[in-house]
Amino acid sequence: MLFALICKDKPGKLQLRVDTRPAHAAFLQGLISEGKLAFAGPFLDADGKPDGSLVMIEAVDMTAAQVLAASDPYAKAGLFESVEIRPWNWVFQKPAGA
């Protein structure tokens, strides 16, 4: 089942995001290797700077999605003000094999 991780950064934490990005990118690469990442990317503020994340993951249930979300280096570093986890159904424009 797909889950959307809708993450909002804490205000004023852009440098924490920048500093933690290599570990976050490695974490996402690991999810790709495990077949657990559908897609991911940052939300942008009015100035085009990252201020949150949308990460779409494959997990067996909500508990597994929560564990995965908590494992993200951004989450561990305290970057996020909030993380909303929602089940999601990919209906339109789903790539072959996804």
Protein backbone atom coordinates (compact mmCIF):
# COMPACT_ATOMS: atom_id res chain seq x y z
CA MET A 1 0.00 0.00 0.00
CA LEU A 2 1.20 3.51 -0.77
CA PHE A 3 1.52 6.15 1.92
CA ALA A 4 2.17 9.85 1.46
CA LEU A 5 4.53 11.42 4.00
CA ILE A 6 3.60 15.10 4.00
CA CYS A 7 6.33 16.84 5.99
CA LYS A 8 6.49 20.50 6.98
CA ASP A 9 9.85 21.94 8.05
CA LYS A 10 10.24 23.96 11.23
CA PRO A 11 10.63 27.66 10.41
CA GLY A 12 14.21 28.85 10.06
CA LYS A 13 15.67 25.36 9.63
CA LEU A 14 16.91 25.56 6.03
CA GLN A 15 20.54 25.10 7.12
CA LEU A 16 19.60 21.95 9.06
CA ARG A 17 17.95 20.65 5.87
CA VAL A 18 21.06 21.46 3.82
CA ASP A 19 23.40 19.86 6.37
CA THR A 20 21.29 16.69 6.65
CA ARG A 21 20.55 16.32 2.93
CA PRO A 22 23.37 13.84 2.11
CA ALA A 23 22.13 11.41 4.78
CA HIS A 24 18.51 11.93 3.67
CA ALA A 25 19.46 11.26 0.01
CA ALA A 26 21.30 8.07 1.03
CA PHE A 27 18.23 7.00 3.01
CA LEU A 28 16.01 7.52 -0.06
CA GLN A 29 18.48 5.60 -2.25
CA GLY A 30 18.18 2.73 0.22
CA LEU A 31 14.39 2.84 -0.09
CA ILE A 32 14.74 2.73 -3.88
CA SER A 33 16.98 -0.35 -3.57
CA GLU A 34 14.36 -2.00 -1.34
CA GLY A 35 11.51 -1.12 -3.73
CA LYS A 36 9.84 1.08 -1.10
CA LEU A 37 10.08 4.55 -2.68
CA ALA A 38 7.59 5.61 -5.37
CA PHE A 39 8.74 9.25 -5.58
CA ALA A 40 9.91 12.11 -3.39
CA GLY A 41 10.79 15.78 -3.47
CA PRO A 42 10.69 19.03 -1.53
CA PHE A 43 7.88 21.53 -1.20
CA LEU A 44 9.07 25.06 -1.99
CA ASP A 45 8.30 28.38 -0.33
CA ALA A 46 7.52 31.64 -2.16
CA ASP A 47 11.27 32.20 -2.68
CA GLY A 48 11.80 28.74 -4.19
CA LYS A 49 13.57 27.41 -1.08
CA PRO A 50 12.68 23.96 0.32
CA ASP A 51 10.34 24.09 3.30
CA GLY A 52 8.96 20.56 3.47
CA SER A 53 8.87 17.21 1.75
CA LEU A 54 6.49 14.87 -0.03
CA VAL A 55 7.70 11.29 0.13
CA MET A 56 5.57 8.50 -1.32
CA ILE A 57 6.45 5.12 0.14
CA GLU A 58 5.30 1.54 -0.11
CA ALA A 59 4.53 -0.05 3.26
CA VAL A 60 2.42 -2.99 4.44
CA ASP A 61 0.41 -0.87 6.89
CA MET A 62 0.30 2.43 8.79
CA THR A 63 2.61 1.16 11.53
CA ALA A 64 5.29 0.24 8.99
CA ALA A 65 4.86 3.64 7.31
CA GLN A 66 5.29 5.39 10.66
CA VAL A 67 8.46 3.43 11.42
CA LEU A 68 9.87 4.26 7.99
CA ALA A 69 9.00 7.96 8.38
CA ALA A 70 10.72 8.09 11.78
CA SER A 71 13.84 6.51 10.22
CA ASP A 72 14.38 9.43 7.81
CA PRO A 73 17.50 11.39 8.79
CA TYR A 74 15.50 14.62 8.41
CA ALA A 75 13.05 13.35 11.03
CA LYS A 76 15.86 12.17 13.30
CA ALA A 77 17.56 15.59 13.03
CA GLY A 78 14.37 17.34 14.17
CA LEU A 79 13.80 19.16 10.88
CA PHE A 80 10.07 18.62 10.69
CA GLU A 81 7.42 20.67 12.46
CA SER A 82 4.84 18.08 11.42
CA VAL A 83 4.57 14.83 9.50
CA GLU A 84 1.19 13.72 8.20
CA ILE A 85 1.00 10.13 6.95
CA ARG A 86 -1.89 9.31 4.64
CA PRO A 87 -2.73 6.18 2.65
CA TRP A 88 -2.84 7.00 -1.07
CA ASN A 89 -4.22 5.30 -4.16
CA TRP A 90 -2.33 5.96 -7.40
CA VAL A 91 -5.04 5.98 -10.08
CA PHE A 92 -3.98 8.20 -12.99
CA GLN A 93 -0.59 8.35 -14.76
CA LYS A 94 0.78 5.44 -12.77
CA PRO A 95 4.03 4.31 -14.45
CA ALA A 96 4.29 0.74 -15.62
CA GLY A 97 5.67 -1.46 -12.88
CA ALA A 98 4.77 0.98 -10.10
